[in-house]
Amino acid sequence: MLQARVTPKASADRLGPLHDDRLKIAVTSPPDKGKANEHVARLLAKKLDLPKSAVEVVAGATDRAKTLLIRGLSVEQVRDKLGL
């Protein structure tokens, strides 16, 4: 599980840094009908070299604070790949 703080409608996609043990994620998509959540999943999957289906928002779908489930990698592997 990865804790994240998502900012939708950002000027550019960005990952990091960590703030209060949450990964800050900025995406250009609006928070409309799950578009930002889908964008977060695609962005993380690409960065982690995983299929999009391996990243899922499991809590906080309508909140900026989200819990993400990442299948196929340990927490340590995720932190290493993201440079955290």
C-alpha atoms as a PDB file:
ATOM      1  CA  MET A   1       0.000   0.000   0.000  1.00  0.00           C
ATOM      2  CA  LEU A   2       1.164   3.482  -0.839  1.00  0.00           C
ATOM      3  CA  GLN A   3      -0.265   6.611   0.768  1.00  0.00           C
ATOM      4  CA  ALA A   4      -0.539   9.570  -1.601  1.00  0.00           C
ATOM      5  CA  ARG A   5      -1.686  13.179  -1.679  1.00  0.00           C
ATOM      6  CA  VAL A   6      -3.028  13.967  -5.167  1.00  0.00           C
ATOM      7  CA  THR A   7      -3.346  17.374  -6.768  1.00  0.00           C
ATOM      8  CA  PRO A   8      -5.590  17.291  -9.857  1.00  0.00           C
ATOM      9  CA  LYS A   9      -5.598  19.922 -12.632  1.00  0.00           C
ATOM     10  CA  ALA A  10      -1.875  20.599 -12.168  1.00  0.00           C
ATOM     11  CA  SER A  11       0.185  22.276 -14.883  1.00  0.00           C
ATOM     12  CA  ALA A  12       2.286  19.103 -15.289  1.00  0.00           C
ATOM     13  CA  ASP A  13       2.434  15.529 -14.022  1.00  0.00           C
ATOM     14  CA  ARG A  14       4.817  15.137 -11.072  1.00  0.00           C
ATOM     15  CA  LEU A  15       5.717  12.453  -8.541  1.00  0.00           C
ATOM     16  CA  GLY A  16       7.223  13.359  -5.182  1.00  0.00           C
ATOM     17  CA  PRO A  17       8.480  14.359  -2.803  1.00  0.00           C
ATOM     18  CA  LEU A  18       7.195  12.602   0.309  1.00  0.00           C
ATOM     19  CA  HIS A  19       5.306  14.795   2.746  1.00  0.00           C
ATOM     20  CA  ASP A  20       4.133  13.371   6.092  1.00  0.00           C
ATOM     21  CA  ASP A  21       4.726   9.830   4.740  1.00  0.00           C
ATOM     22  CA  ARG A  22       2.506  10.507   1.706  1.00  0.00           C
ATOM     23  CA  LEU A  23       3.802  10.678  -1.833  1.00  0.00           C
ATOM     24  CA  LYS A  24       2.787  13.943  -3.460  1.00  0.00           C
ATOM     25  CA  ILE A  25       1.368  13.298  -6.930  1.00  0.00           C
ATOM     26  CA  ALA A  26       0.266  16.007  -9.347  1.00  0.00           C
ATOM     27  CA  VAL A  27      -1.743  15.129 -12.454  1.00  0.00           C
ATOM     28  CA  THR A  28      -3.125  17.302 -15.231  1.00  0.00           C
ATOM     29  CA  SER A  29      -6.507  15.525 -15.294  1.00  0.00           C
ATOM     30  CA  PRO A  30      -9.525  17.057 -13.556  1.00  0.00           C
ATOM     31  CA  PRO A  31     -11.168  15.321 -10.577  1.00  0.00           C
ATOM     32  CA  ASP A  32     -14.205  14.507 -12.706  1.00  0.00           C
ATOM     33  CA  LYS A  33     -15.751  11.023 -12.831  1.00  0.00           C
ATOM     34  CA  GLY A  34     -12.543   9.335 -11.686  1.00  0.00           C
ATOM     35  CA  LYS A  35     -10.330  10.817 -14.414  1.00  0.00           C
ATOM     36  CA  ALA A  36      -7.656  11.977 -11.937  1.00  0.00           C
ATOM     37  CA  ASN A  37      -7.625   8.562 -10.232  1.00  0.00           C
ATOM     38  CA  GLU A  38      -7.163   6.819 -13.589  1.00  0.00           C
ATOM     39  CA  HIS A  39      -4.384   9.258 -14.463  1.00  0.00           C
ATOM     40  CA  VAL A  40      -2.634   8.552 -11.136  1.00  0.00           C
ATOM     41  CA  ALA A  41      -2.808   4.792 -11.808  1.00  0.00           C
ATOM     42  CA  ARG A  42      -1.415   5.204 -15.345  1.00  0.00           C
ATOM     43  CA  LEU A  43       1.364   7.544 -14.198  1.00  0.00           C
ATOM     44  CA  LEU A  44       2.512   5.272 -11.367  1.00  0.00           C
ATOM     45  CA  ALA A  45       2.235   2.121 -13.488  1.00  0.00           C
ATOM     46  CA  LYS A  46       4.401   3.696 -16.184  1.00  0.00           C
ATOM     47  CA  LYS A  47       7.002   4.912 -13.678  1.00  0.00           C
ATOM     48  CA  LEU A  48       7.087   1.507 -11.959  1.00  0.00           C
ATOM     49  CA  ASP A  49       7.128  -0.415 -15.265  1.00  0.00           C
ATOM     50  CA  LEU A  50       3.918  -2.261 -14.402  1.00  0.00           C
ATOM     51  CA  PRO A  51       0.627  -2.750 -16.252  1.00  0.00           C
ATOM     52  CA  LYS A  52      -2.024  -0.154 -15.360  1.00  0.00           C
ATOM     53  CA  SER A  53      -4.121  -2.915 -13.804  1.00  0.00           C
ATOM     54  CA  ALA A  54      -1.401  -3.391 -11.143  1.00  0.00           C
ATOM     55  CA  VAL A  55      -2.147   0.023  -9.585  1.00  0.00           C
ATOM     56  CA  GLU A  56      -5.504   0.633  -7.921  1.00  0.00           C
ATOM     57  CA  VAL A  57      -6.969   3.373  -5.740  1.00  0.00           C
ATOM     58  CA  VAL A  58      -8.420   1.404  -2.812  1.00  0.00           C
ATOM     59  CA  ALA A  59      -9.344   4.312  -0.516  1.00  0.00           C
ATOM     60  CA  GLY A  60      -9.967   8.016  -0.998  1.00  0.00           C
ATOM     61  CA  ALA A  61     -11.520   7.891  -4.466  1.00  0.00           C
ATOM     62  CA  THR A  62     -13.158  11.293  -3.939  1.00  0.00           C
ATOM     63  CA  ASP A  63     -10.494  12.729  -1.623  1.00  0.00           C
ATOM     64  CA  ARG A  64      -7.013  14.108  -2.268  1.00  0.00           C
ATOM     65  CA  ALA A  65      -5.603  11.695   0.330  1.00  0.00           C
ATOM     66  CA  LYS A  66      -5.532   8.275  -1.325  1.00  0.00           C
ATOM     67  CA  THR A  67      -4.386   4.769  -0.555  1.00  0.00           C
ATOM     68  CA  LEU A  68      -2.994   2.941  -3.571  1.00  0.00           C
ATOM     69  CA  LEU A  69      -2.564  -0.798  -3.919  1.00  0.00           C
ATOM     70  CA  ILE A  70       0.415  -1.741  -6.094  1.00  0.00           C
ATOM     71  CA  ARG A  71       0.560  -5.386  -7.138  1.00  0.00           C
ATOM     72  CA  GLY A  72       3.786  -7.086  -8.147  1.00  0.00           C
ATOM     73  CA  LEU A  73       6.282  -5.018  -6.142  1.00  0.00           C
ATOM     74  CA  SER A  74       7.168  -4.786  -2.471  1.00  0.00           C
ATOM     75  CA  VAL A  75       7.024  -1.470  -0.636  1.00  0.00           C
ATOM     76  CA  GLU A  76      10.836  -1.335  -0.754  1.00  0.00           C
ATOM     77  CA  GLN A  77      10.865  -1.921  -4.523  1.00  0.00           C
ATOM     78  CA  VAL A  78       8.288   0.837  -5.061  1.00  0.00           C
ATOM     79  CA  ARG A  79      10.321   3.277  -2.947  1.00  0.00           C
ATOM     80  CA  ASP A  80      13.523   2.357  -4.830  1.00  0.00           C
ATOM     81  CA  LYS A  81      11.944   2.788  -8.269  1.00  0.00           C
ATOM     82  CA  LEU A  82      10.429   6.123  -7.268  1.00  0.00           C
ATOM     83  CA  GLY A  83      13.655   7.292  -5.635  1.00  0.00           C
ATOM     84  CA  LEU A  84      12.080   7.793  -2.205  1.00  0.00           C
END
